[in-house]
PDB file of N, CA and C in Angstrom:
ATOM      1  N   MET A   1       6.337 -11.390 -18.229  1.00  0.00           N
ATOM      2  CA  MET A   1       6.837 -10.844 -16.628  1.00  0.00           C
ATOM      3  C   MET A   1       7.171 -11.974 -15.727  1.00  0.00           C
ATOM      4  N   ALA A   2       7.762 -11.909 -15.004  1.00  0.00           N
ATOM      5  CA  ALA A   2       8.007 -13.362 -13.864  1.00  0.00           C
ATOM      6  C   ALA A   2       6.673 -13.413 -13.203  1.00  0.00           C
ATOM      7  N   THR A   3       6.935 -14.463 -12.846  1.00  0.00           N
ATOM      8  CA  THR A   3       5.952 -15.033 -11.645  1.00  0.00           C
ATOM      9  C   THR A   3       6.092 -14.692 -10.148  1.00  0.00           C
ATOM     10  N   GLN A   4       5.271 -14.920  -9.308  1.00  0.00           N
ATOM     11  CA  GLN A   4       5.386 -14.413  -8.155  1.00  0.00           C
ATOM     12  C   GLN A   4       6.905 -15.114  -7.169  1.00  0.00           C
ATOM     13  N   ASN A   5       6.579 -16.695  -7.763  1.00  0.00           N
ATOM     14  CA  ASN A   5       7.495 -17.461  -7.328  1.00  0.00           C
ATOM     15  C   ASN A   5       9.144 -16.819  -7.838  1.00  0.00           C
ATOM     16  N   GLN A   6       8.970 -16.761  -8.975  1.00  0.00           N
ATOM     17  CA  GLN A   6      10.432 -16.659  -9.985  1.00  0.00           C
ATOM     18  C   GLN A   6      11.165 -15.499  -9.084  1.00  0.00           C
ATOM     19  N   ILE A   7      10.118 -14.454  -9.218  1.00  0.00           N
ATOM     20  CA  ILE A   7      10.691 -13.155  -8.183  1.00  0.00           C
ATOM     21  C   ILE A   7      11.160 -13.584  -6.574  1.00  0.00           C
ATOM     22  N   LEU A   8      10.468 -14.397  -6.205  1.00  0.00           N
ATOM     23  CA  LEU A   8      10.792 -14.458  -4.932  1.00  0.00           C
ATOM     24  C   LEU A   8      12.053 -15.823  -4.440  1.00  0.00           C
ATOM     25  N   GLU A   9      11.926 -16.364  -5.572  1.00  0.00           N
ATOM     26  CA  GLU A   9      13.197 -16.959  -6.062  1.00  0.00           C
ATOM     27  C   GLU A   9      14.658 -15.853  -6.140  1.00  0.00           C
ATOM     28  N   GLN A  10      14.879 -15.042  -7.009  1.00  0.00           N
ATOM     29  CA  GLN A  10      15.332 -13.989  -7.321  1.00  0.00           C
ATOM     30  C   GLN A  10      16.051 -13.602  -5.800  1.00  0.00           C
ATOM     31  N   LEU A  11      14.599 -12.982  -5.136  1.00  0.00           N
ATOM     32  CA  LEU A  11      14.755 -12.142  -3.725  1.00  0.00           C
ATOM     33  C   LEU A  11      15.753 -12.923  -3.122  1.00  0.00           C
ATOM     34  N   LYS A  12      15.255 -14.640  -2.457  1.00  0.00           N
ATOM     35  CA  LYS A  12      16.326 -15.385  -1.901  1.00  0.00           C
ATOM     36  C   LYS A  12      17.823 -15.719  -2.541  1.00  0.00           C
ATOM     37  N   ILE A  13      17.932 -15.620  -3.859  1.00  0.00           N
ATOM     38  CA  ILE A  13      19.573 -15.464  -4.397  1.00  0.00           C
ATOM     39  C   ILE A  13      20.173 -14.239  -3.705  1.00  0.00           C
ATOM     40  N   LEU A  14      19.475 -13.076  -3.918  1.00  0.00           N
ATOM     41  CA  LEU A  14      20.222 -11.800  -3.278  1.00  0.00           C
ATOM     42  C   LEU A  14      20.209 -11.631  -1.689  1.00  0.00           C
ATOM     43  N   GLU A  15      19.349 -12.587  -0.987  1.00  0.00           N
ATOM     44  CA  GLU A  15      19.777 -12.488   0.313  1.00  0.00           C
ATOM     45  C   GLU A  15      20.918 -13.484   0.813  1.00  0.00           C
ATOM     46  N   LYS A  16      20.757 -14.440  -0.144  1.00  0.00           N
ATOM     47  CA  LYS A  16      21.971 -15.334   0.160  1.00  0.00           C
ATOM     48  C   LYS A  16      23.095 -14.934  -0.081  1.00  0.00           C
ATOM     49  N   LEU A  17      23.454 -13.970  -1.302  1.00  0.00           N
ATOM     50  CA  LEU A  17      24.494 -13.036  -1.083  1.00  0.00           C
ATOM     51  C   LEU A  17      24.676 -12.040  -0.236  1.00  0.00           C
ATOM     52  N   TYR A  18      23.620 -11.533  -0.071  1.00  0.00           N
ATOM     53  CA  TYR A  18      23.782 -10.222   1.056  1.00  0.00           C
ATOM     54  C   TYR A  18      24.405 -11.215   2.397  1.00  0.00           C
ATOM     55  N   ASN A  19      23.933 -12.141   2.762  1.00  0.00           N
ATOM     56  CA  ASN A  19      24.543 -12.912   3.931  1.00  0.00           C
ATOM     57  C   ASN A  19      25.719 -13.455   4.042  1.00  0.00           C
ATOM     58  N   ARG A  20      26.182 -13.446   2.840  1.00  0.00           N
ATOM     59  CA  ARG A  20      27.683 -14.046   2.725  1.00  0.00           C
ATOM     60  C   ARG A  20      28.408 -12.686   2.736  1.00  0.00           C
ATOM     61  N   GLY A  21      27.951 -11.426   2.205  1.00  0.00           N
ATOM     62  CA  GLY A  21      28.488 -10.446   2.334  1.00  0.00           C
ATOM     63  C   GLY A  21      29.186  -9.984   0.757  1.00  0.00           C
ATOM     64  N   GLU A  22      28.203 -10.373  -0.267  1.00  0.00           N
ATOM     65  CA  GLU A  22      28.566 -10.666  -1.831  1.00  0.00           C
ATOM     66  C   GLU A  22      27.925  -9.960  -2.798  1.00  0.00           C
ATOM     67  N   VAL A  23      27.188  -8.753  -1.573  1.00  0.00           N
ATOM     68  CA  VAL A  23      26.514  -8.055  -2.895  1.00  0.00           C
ATOM     69  C   VAL A  23      27.232  -6.585  -3.294  1.00  0.00           C
ATOM     70  N   SER A  24      27.181  -6.261  -4.630  1.00  0.00           N
ATOM     71  CA  SER A  24      27.395  -5.057  -4.977  1.00  0.00           C
ATOM     72  C   SER A  24      26.999  -3.820  -4.903  1.00  0.00           C
ATOM     73  N   GLU A  25      27.607  -2.769  -4.687  1.00  0.00           N
ATOM     74  CA  GLU A  25      27.246  -1.272  -4.462  1.00  0.00           C
ATOM     75  C   GLU A  25      26.004  -1.411  -5.654  1.00  0.00           C
ATOM     76  N   VAL A  26      26.222  -1.718  -7.058  1.00  0.00           N
ATOM     77  CA  VAL A  26      24.974  -1.497  -7.967  1.00  0.00           C
ATOM     78  C   VAL A  26      23.794  -2.291  -7.900  1.00  0.00           C
ATOM     79  N   VAL A  27      23.882  -3.557  -6.625  1.00  0.00           N
ATOM     80  CA  VAL A  27      22.830  -4.258  -6.305  1.00  0.00           C
ATOM     81  C   VAL A  27      22.095  -3.136  -5.339  1.00  0.00           C
ATOM     82  N   GLU A  28      22.872  -2.560  -4.226  1.00  0.00           N
ATOM     83  CA  GLU A  28      22.466  -2.039  -3.485  1.00  0.00           C
ATOM     84  C   GLU A  28      21.834  -0.764  -3.841  1.00  0.00           C
ATOM     85  N   ARG A  29      22.516  -0.036  -4.412  1.00  0.00           N
ATOM     86  CA  ARG A  29      21.528   1.651  -5.523  1.00  0.00           C
ATOM     87  C   ARG A  29      20.268   0.681  -5.798  1.00  0.00           C
ATOM     88  N   ALA A  30      20.561  -0.224  -6.698  1.00  0.00           N
ATOM     89  CA  ALA A  30      19.458  -0.616  -7.152  1.00  0.00           C
ATOM     90  C   ALA A  30      18.039  -0.676  -6.368  1.00  0.00           C
ATOM     91  N   LEU A  31      18.472  -1.518  -5.180  1.00  0.00           N
ATOM     92  CA  LEU A  31      17.227  -1.785  -4.070  1.00  0.00           C
ATOM     93  C   LEU A  31      16.726  -0.475  -3.705  1.00  0.00           C
ATOM     94  N   LYS A  32      17.946   0.139  -3.170  1.00  0.00           N
ATOM     95  CA  LYS A  32      17.261   1.514  -2.894  1.00  0.00           C
ATOM     96  C   LYS A  32      16.212   2.337  -3.818  1.00  0.00           C
ATOM     97  N   LYS A  33      16.792   2.199  -4.870  1.00  0.00           N
ATOM     98  CA  LYS A  33      16.005   3.464  -6.489  1.00  0.00           C
ATOM     99  C   LYS A  33      14.420   2.522  -6.158  1.00  0.00           C
ATOM    100  N   ILE A  34      14.668   1.208  -6.286  1.00  0.00           N
ATOM    101  CA  ILE A  34      13.343   0.311  -6.236  1.00  0.00           C
ATOM    102  C   ILE A  34      12.145   0.828  -4.909  1.00  0.00           C
ATOM    103  N   ILE A  35      12.581   0.873  -4.049  1.00  0.00           N
ATOM    104  CA  ILE A  35      11.866   0.879  -2.566  1.00  0.00           C
ATOM    105  C   ILE A  35      11.450   2.351  -3.141  1.00  0.00           C
ATOM    106  N   ALA A  36      12.580   3.617  -3.165  1.00  0.00           N
ATOM    107  CA  ALA A  36      11.934   4.703  -3.480  1.00  0.00           C
ATOM    108  C   ALA A  36      10.989   5.210  -4.507  1.00  0.00           C
ATOM    109  N   HIS A  37      11.165   3.945  -5.421  1.00  0.00           N
ATOM    110  CA  HIS A  37      10.117   4.345  -6.509  1.00  0.00           C
ATOM    111  C   HIS A  37       8.351   3.809  -5.837  1.00  0.00           C
ATOM    112  N   GLU A  38       8.612   3.066  -5.376  1.00  0.00           N
ATOM    113  CA  GLU A  38       7.475   2.716  -4.496  1.00  0.00           C
ATOM    114  C   GLU A  38       6.938   3.138  -3.683  1.00  0.00           C
ATOM    115  N   ILE A  39       7.790   3.834  -3.083  1.00  0.00           N
ATOM    116  CA  ILE A  39       7.394   4.472  -2.119  1.00  0.00           C
ATOM    117  C   ILE A  39       6.296   5.934  -2.607  1.00  0.00           C
ATOM    118  N   THR A  40       7.111   6.306  -3.692  1.00  0.00           N
ATOM    119  CA  THR A  40       6.825   7.828  -4.418  1.00  0.00           C
ATOM    120  C   THR A  40       5.007   6.747  -5.097  1.00  0.00           C
ATOM    121  N   ILE A  41       5.095   5.499  -5.639  1.00  0.00           N
ATOM    122  CA  ILE A  41       3.805   5.296  -6.553  1.00  0.00           C
ATOM    123  C   ILE A  41       2.646   5.524  -5.022  1.00  0.00           C
ATOM    124  N   ALA A  42       3.674   4.648  -3.736  1.00  0.00           N
ATOM    125  CA  ALA A  42       1.978   4.413  -2.521  1.00  0.00           C
ATOM    126  C   ALA A  42       1.698   5.912  -2.034  1.00  0.00           C
ATOM    127  N   GLN A  43       2.802   6.805  -2.049  1.00  0.00           N
ATOM    128  CA  GLN A  43       2.306   7.944  -1.950  1.00  0.00           C
ATOM    129  C   GLN A  43       1.447   8.482  -2.617  1.00  0.00           C
ATOM    130  N   GLN A  44       1.801   8.312  -3.282  1.00  0.00           N
ATOM    131  CA  GLN A  44       0.792   9.061  -5.042  1.00  0.00           C
ATOM    132  C   GLN A  44      -0.571   8.525  -4.689  1.00  0.00           C
ATOM    133  N   GLN A  45      -1.070   6.994  -4.663  1.00  0.00           N
ATOM    134  CA  GLN A  45      -1.858   6.472  -4.404  1.00  0.00           C
ATOM    135  C   GLN A  45      -2.456   6.990  -3.075  1.00  0.00           C
ATOM    136  N   THR A  46      -2.186   6.977  -2.371  1.00  0.00           N
ATOM    137  CA  THR A  46      -2.815   7.522  -1.321  1.00  0.00           C
ATOM    138  C   THR A  46      -3.411   9.150  -1.193  1.00  0.00           C
ATOM    139  N   ALA A  47      -2.625   9.767  -1.717  1.00  0.00           N
ATOM    140  CA  ALA A  47      -3.092  11.086  -1.745  1.00  0.00           C
ATOM    141  C   ALA A  47      -4.444  11.335  -2.598  1.00  0.00           C
ATOM    142  N   GLU A  48      -4.459   9.976  -3.952  1.00  0.00           N
ATOM    143  CA  GLU A  48      -5.826   9.824  -4.459  1.00  0.00           C
ATOM    144  C   GLU A  48      -7.107   9.115  -4.193  1.00  0.00           C
ATOM    145  N   LEU A  49      -6.443   8.229  -3.060  1.00  0.00           N
ATOM    146  CA  LEU A  49      -7.716   7.573  -2.445  1.00  0.00           C
ATOM    147  C   LEU A  49      -8.339   8.822  -1.593  1.00  0.00           C
ATOM    148  N   GLU A  50      -7.194   9.292  -0.712  1.00  0.00           N
ATOM    149  CA  GLU A  50      -7.832  10.465  -0.003  1.00  0.00           C
ATOM    150  C   GLU A  50      -8.623  11.275  -0.656  1.00  0.00           C
ATOM    151  N   THR A  51      -8.381  11.589  -1.603  1.00  0.00           N
ATOM    152  CA  THR A  51      -8.981  12.684  -2.158  1.00  0.00           C
ATOM    153  C   THR A  51     -10.619  11.987  -2.279  1.00  0.00           C
ATOM    154  N   ASP A  52     -10.483  10.913  -3.114  1.00  0.00           N
ATOM    155  CA  ASP A  52     -12.118   9.979  -3.095  1.00  0.00           C
ATOM    156  C   ASP A  52     -12.579   9.931  -1.620  1.00  0.00           C
ATOM    157  N   LEU A  53     -12.256   9.497  -0.759  1.00  0.00           N
ATOM    158  CA  LEU A  53     -12.987   9.265   0.474  1.00  0.00           C
ATOM    159  C   LEU A  53     -12.895  10.579   1.204  1.00  0.00           C
ATOM    160  N   LYS A  54     -12.305  11.586   0.806  1.00  0.00           N
ATOM    161  CA  LYS A  54     -12.903  12.963   1.489  1.00  0.00           C
ATOM    162  C   LYS A  54     -14.136  13.768   0.835  1.00  0.00           C
ATOM    163  N   GLN A  55     -14.708  13.471  -0.397  1.00  0.00           N
ATOM    164  CA  GLN A  55     -15.822  13.627  -1.253  1.00  0.00           C
ATOM    165  C   GLN A  55     -16.907  12.742  -0.390  1.00  0.00           C
ATOM    166  N   TYR A  56     -16.718  11.669   0.182  1.00  0.00           N
ATOM    167  CA  TYR A  56     -17.489  10.857   0.927  1.00  0.00           C
ATOM    168  C   TYR A  56     -18.090  11.364   2.348  1.00  0.00           C
ATOM    169  N   GLU A  57     -16.813  11.972   2.749  1.00  0.00           N
ATOM    170  CA  GLU A  57     -16.629  12.610   4.556  1.00  0.00           C
ATOM    171  C   GLU A  57     -17.641  13.807   4.432  1.00  0.00           C
ATOM    172  N   THR A  58     -17.241  14.452   3.517  1.00  0.00           N
ATOM    173  CA  THR A  58     -18.188  15.664   3.294  1.00  0.00           C
ATOM    174  C   THR A  58     -19.753  15.503   2.947  1.00  0.00           C
ATOM    175  N   GLN A  59     -19.812  14.315   2.196  1.00  0.00           N
ATOM    176  CA  GLN A  59     -21.114  14.219   1.666  1.00  0.00           C
ATOM    177  C   GLN A  59     -22.247  13.776   2.690  1.00  0.00           C
ATOM    178  N   TYR A  60     -21.803  12.788   3.455  1.00  0.00           N
ATOM    179  CA  TYR A  60     -21.812  11.841   4.521  1.00  0.00           C
ATOM    180  C   TYR A  60     -21.974  11.961   6.392  1.00  0.00           C
ATOM    181  N   GLN A  61     -20.864  13.304   5.772  1.00  0.00           N
ATOM    182  CA  GLN A  61     -20.570  14.139   7.292  1.00  0.00           C
ATOM    183  C   GLN A  61     -19.986  13.038   8.419  1.00  0.00           C
ATOM    184  N   MET A  62     -18.683  12.244   7.985  1.00  0.00           N
ATOM    185  CA  MET A  62     -18.544  11.526   8.953  1.00  0.00           C
ATOM    186  C   MET A  62     -17.115  10.518   8.414  1.00  0.00           C
ATOM    187  N   SER A  63     -16.066  10.492   8.731  1.00  0.00           N
ATOM    188  CA  SER A  63     -15.441  10.139   8.588  1.00  0.00           C
ATOM    189  C   SER A  63     -15.227   8.797   8.483  1.00  0.00           C
ATOM    190  N   SER A  64     -14.328   8.379   7.553  1.00  0.00           N
ATOM    191  CA  SER A  64     -14.126   7.048   6.511  1.00  0.00           C
ATOM    192  C   SER A  64     -13.811   6.309   7.224  1.00  0.00           C
ATOM    193  N   ALA A  65     -13.352   6.025   8.683  1.00  0.00           N
ATOM    194  CA  ALA A  65     -12.883   4.947   9.859  1.00  0.00           C
ATOM    195  C   ALA A  65     -14.420   5.043  10.439  1.00  0.00           C
ATOM    196  N   GLN A  66     -15.357   5.886  11.041  1.00  0.00           N
ATOM    197  CA  GLN A  66     -16.379   5.696  11.488  1.00  0.00           C
ATOM    198  C   GLN A  66     -17.105   4.863  10.555  1.00  0.00           C
ATOM    199  N   PHE A  67     -17.346   5.706   8.996  1.00  0.00           N
ATOM    200  CA  PHE A  67     -18.378   4.924   8.160  1.00  0.00           C
ATOM    201  C   PHE A  67     -17.977   3.611   7.968  1.00  0.00           C
ATOM    202  N   TYR A  68     -16.845   3.550   7.867  1.00  0.00           N
ATOM    203  CA  TYR A  68     -16.174   1.631   7.527  1.00  0.00           C
ATOM    204  C   TYR A  68     -16.849   0.744   8.696  1.00  0.00           C
ATOM    205  N   SER A  69     -16.444   1.181  10.168  1.00  0.00           N
ATOM    206  CA  SER A  69     -16.954   0.063  10.937  1.00  0.00           C
ATOM    207  C   SER A  69     -18.613   0.269  11.494  1.00  0.00           C
ATOM    208  N   LYS A  70     -18.990   1.229  10.836  1.00  0.00           N
ATOM    209  CA  LYS A  70     -20.819   1.370  10.697  1.00  0.00           C
ATOM    210  C   LYS A  70     -21.265   0.224   9.503  1.00  0.00           C
ATOM    211  N   PHE A  71     -20.393   0.246   8.574  1.00  0.00           N
ATOM    212  CA  PHE A  71     -20.721  -0.469   7.277  1.00  0.00           C
ATOM    213  C   PHE A  71     -20.755  -1.672   7.509  1.00  0.00           C
ATOM    214  N   ARG A  72     -19.348  -2.427   7.988  1.00  0.00           N
ATOM    215  CA  ARG A  72     -19.351  -3.287   8.094  1.00  0.00           C
ATOM    216  C   ARG A  72     -20.002  -4.217   9.217  1.00  0.00           C
ATOM    217  N   ALA A  73     -20.338  -2.986  10.420  1.00  0.00           N
ATOM    218  CA  ALA A  73     -21.529  -4.029  10.929  1.00  0.00           C
ATOM    219  C   ALA A  73     -22.741  -3.972  10.857  1.00  0.00           C
ATOM    220  N   GLY A  74     -23.602  -3.377   9.138  1.00  0.00           N
ATOM    221  CA  GLY A  74     -24.466  -3.550   8.785  1.00  0.00           C
ATOM    222  C   GLY A  74     -25.370  -2.313   8.940  1.00  0.00           C
ATOM    223  N   GLU A  75     -24.990  -1.455   9.319  1.00  0.00           N
ATOM    224  CA  GLU A  75     -25.875  -0.249  10.155  1.00  0.00           C
ATOM    225  C   GLU A  75     -26.390   0.628   9.167  1.00  0.00           C
ATOM    226  N   LEU A  76     -25.624   0.158   7.794  1.00  0.00           N
ATOM    227  CA  LEU A  76     -26.210   1.568   6.440  1.00  0.00           C
ATOM    228  C   LEU A  76     -26.484   1.058   5.475  1.00  0.00           C
ATOM    229  N   GLY A  77     -26.494  -0.125   5.033  1.00  0.00           N
ATOM    230  CA  GLY A  77     -27.340  -0.972   4.238  1.00  0.00           C
ATOM    231  C   GLY A  77     -26.398  -0.894   2.918  1.00  0.00           C
ATOM    232  N   ASP A  78     -27.074  -1.320   1.958  1.00  0.00           N
ATOM    233  CA  ASP A  78     -25.998  -1.492   0.528  1.00  0.00           C
ATOM    234  C   ASP A  78     -26.023  -0.675  -0.487  1.00  0.00           C
ATOM    235  N   ASP A  79     -25.787   0.846  -0.086  1.00  0.00           N
ATOM    236  CA  ASP A  79     -26.333   1.514  -1.602  1.00  0.00           C
ATOM    237  C   ASP A  79     -25.513   1.399  -2.100  1.00  0.00           C
ATOM    238  N   ILE A  80     -25.101   2.235  -3.388  1.00  0.00           N
ATOM    239  CA  ILE A  80     -24.160   1.789  -4.337  1.00  0.00           C
ATOM    240  C   ILE A  80     -23.227   2.856  -3.767  1.00  0.00           C
ATOM    241  N   ASP A  81     -23.368   4.138  -2.945  1.00  0.00           N
ATOM    242  CA  ASP A  81     -22.120   4.569  -2.548  1.00  0.00           C
ATOM    243  C   ASP A  81     -21.192   4.184  -1.536  1.00  0.00           C
ATOM    244  N   PHE A  82     -22.371   3.723  -0.969  1.00  0.00           N
ATOM    245  CA  PHE A  82     -21.612   2.921   0.463  1.00  0.00           C
ATOM    246  C   PHE A  82     -20.901   1.832  -0.218  1.00  0.00           C
ATOM    247  N   VAL A  83     -20.818   0.889  -0.921  1.00  0.00           N
ATOM    248  CA  VAL A  83     -20.151  -0.279  -1.432  1.00  0.00           C
ATOM    249  C   VAL A  83     -18.938   0.258  -2.331  1.00  0.00           C
ATOM    250  N   GLU A  84     -19.190   1.762  -3.040  1.00  0.00           N
ATOM    251  CA  GLU A  84     -17.936   2.542  -3.514  1.00  0.00           C
ATOM    252  C   GLU A  84     -16.888   2.705  -2.562  1.00  0.00           C
ATOM    253  N   TRP A  85     -17.704   4.007  -1.276  1.00  0.00           N
ATOM    254  CA  TRP A  85     -16.872   4.236  -0.216  1.00  0.00           C
ATOM    255  C   TRP A  85     -15.868   2.873   0.536  1.00  0.00           C
ATOM    256  N   SER A  86     -16.599   2.220   0.775  1.00  0.00           N
ATOM    257  CA  SER A  86     -16.192   0.732   1.224  1.00  0.00           C
ATOM    258  C   SER A  86     -14.994   0.705   0.462  1.00  0.00           C
ATOM    259  N   SER A  87     -15.005   0.098  -0.564  1.00  0.00           N
ATOM    260  CA  SER A  87     -13.680  -0.314  -1.863  1.00  0.00           C
ATOM    261  C   SER A  87     -12.857   0.781  -1.534  1.00  0.00           C
ATOM    262  N   PHE A  88     -12.851   2.436  -1.578  1.00  0.00           N
ATOM    263  CA  PHE A  88     -11.980   3.505  -1.620  1.00  0.00           C
ATOM    264  C   PHE A  88     -11.076   3.269  -0.039  1.00  0.00           C
ATOM    265  N   TYR A  89     -12.082   2.818   0.961  1.00  0.00           N
ATOM    266  CA  TYR A  89     -11.355   2.733   1.989  1.00  0.00           C
ATOM    267  C   TYR A  89     -10.463   1.496   2.065  1.00  0.00           C
ATOM    268  N   GLN A  90     -11.376   0.379   1.851  1.00  0.00           N
ATOM    269  CA  GLN A  90     -10.097  -0.501   1.783  1.00  0.00           C
ATOM    270  C   GLN A  90      -9.100  -0.809   0.900  1.00  0.00           C
ATOM    271  N   MET A  91      -9.082  -0.211  -0.456  1.00  0.00           N
ATOM    272  CA  MET A  91      -7.748   0.354  -0.878  1.00  0.00           C
ATOM    273  C   MET A  91      -6.763   1.090  -0.146  1.00  0.00           C
ATOM    274  N   TRP A  92      -7.023   2.551   0.353  1.00  0.00           N
ATOM    275  CA  TRP A  92      -6.344   3.273   1.306  1.00  0.00           C
ATOM    276  C   TRP A  92      -5.606   2.427   2.189  1.00  0.00           C
ATOM    277  N   SER A  93      -6.509   1.459   2.765  1.00  0.00           N
ATOM    278  CA  SER A  93      -6.027   0.959   3.834  1.00  0.00           C
ATOM    279  C   SER A  93      -4.704   0.246   3.746  1.00  0.00           C
ATOM    280  N   SER A  94      -5.508  -0.975   2.436  1.00  0.00           N
ATOM    281  CA  SER A  94      -4.086  -1.778   2.001  1.00  0.00           C
ATOM    282  C   SER A  94      -2.589  -1.001   1.517  1.00  0.00           C
ATOM    283  N   VAL A  95      -3.159   0.032   0.929  1.00  0.00           N
ATOM    284  CA  VAL A  95      -1.706   1.382   0.325  1.00  0.00           C
ATOM    285  C   VAL A  95      -1.192   1.775   1.454  1.00  0.00           C
ATOM    286  N   ARG A  96      -1.794   1.928   2.573  1.00  0.00           N
ATOM    287  CA  ARG A  96      -0.966   2.674   3.909  1.00  0.00           C
ATOM    288  C   ARG A  96      -0.200   1.358   4.232  1.00  0.00           C
ATOM    289  N   GLU A  97      -0.744   0.052   4.442  1.00  0.00           N
ATOM    290  CA  GLU A  97       0.198  -0.786   5.315  1.00  0.00           C
ATOM    291  C   GLU A  97       1.174  -1.077   4.235  1.00  0.00           C
ATOM    292  N   ARG A  98       1.118  -1.442   2.614  1.00  0.00           N
ATOM    293  CA  ARG A  98       2.106  -0.990   1.784  1.00  0.00           C
ATOM    294  C   ARG A  98       3.560   0.022   2.346  1.00  0.00           C
ATOM    295  N   LEU A  99       3.013   1.178   2.489  1.00  0.00           N
ATOM    296  CA  LEU A  99       3.961   2.292   2.440  1.00  0.00           C
ATOM    297  C   LEU A  99       4.322   2.316   3.704  1.00  0.00           C
ATOM    298  N   GLN A 100       4.229   2.169   4.945  1.00  0.00           N
ATOM    299  CA  GLN A 100       4.401   1.935   6.386  1.00  0.00           C
ATOM    300  C   GLN A 100       5.501   0.478   6.100  1.00  0.00           C
ATOM    301  N   ILE A 101       5.567  -0.460   5.133  1.00  0.00           N
ATOM    302  CA  ILE A 101       6.325  -1.800   4.772  1.00  0.00           C
ATOM    303  C   ILE A 101       7.845  -0.905   4.523  1.00  0.00           C
ATOM    304  N   LEU A 102       7.087  -0.322   3.443  1.00  0.00           N
ATOM    305  CA  LEU A 102       8.558   0.150   2.514  1.00  0.00           C
ATOM    306  C   LEU A 102       9.050   1.545   3.304  1.00  0.00           C
ATOM    307  N   LEU A 103       8.156   2.377   4.372  1.00  0.00           N
ATOM    308  CA  LEU A 103       8.936   3.431   4.876  1.00  0.00           C
ATOM    309  C   LEU A 103       9.843   2.834   6.058  1.00  0.00           C
ATOM    310  N   SER A 104       8.895   1.500   6.624  1.00  0.00           N
ATOM    311  CA  SER A 104      10.321   0.827   7.857  1.00  0.00           C
ATOM    312  C   SER A 104      11.381   0.285   7.126  1.00  0.00           C
ATOM    313  N   ASN A 105      10.985  -0.383   6.058  1.00  0.00           N
ATOM    314  CA  ASN A 105      12.578  -0.943   5.432  1.00  0.00           C
ATOM    315  C   ASN A 105      13.533   0.034   4.907  1.00  0.00           C
ATOM    316  N   SER A 106      12.870   1.427   4.655  1.00  0.00           N
ATOM    317  CA  SER A 106      13.934   1.891   3.998  1.00  0.00           C
ATOM    318  C   SER A 106      14.975   3.142   4.971  1.00  0.00           C
ATOM    319  N   GLN A 107      14.373   2.466   5.647  1.00  0.00           N
ATOM    320  CA  GLN A 107      15.088   3.759   7.156  1.00  0.00           C
ATOM    321  C   GLN A 107      15.662   2.778   7.721  1.00  0.00           C
ATOM    322  N   ALA A 108      15.946   1.323   7.584  1.00  0.00           N
ATOM    323  CA  ALA A 108      16.856   0.523   8.048  1.00  0.00           C
ATOM    324  C   ALA A 108      17.963   0.652   7.994  1.00  0.00           C
TER     325      ALA A 108
END
């Protein structure tokens, strides 16, 4: 598997070619498919994490956003459920950010 630096270098090459107007239709189609695939994965991950979050929200009768704010402020303690809920919320937030980036770039 390629390292992050190798991938970035490959993307820079494509960017240079694109800026020169020298990217083929094959590359354009491949990039669109890659982004579409990543969107699908992020949407699936979001749905799975939302299922996990809803279980905690139902159990503790508060939204995940409310919980996370209180947890970060130290108002709830370190119960294992809260640590797990916090982890799920952080993962969900990260996936949502990734999805927003993918969606904004796919519509450009």
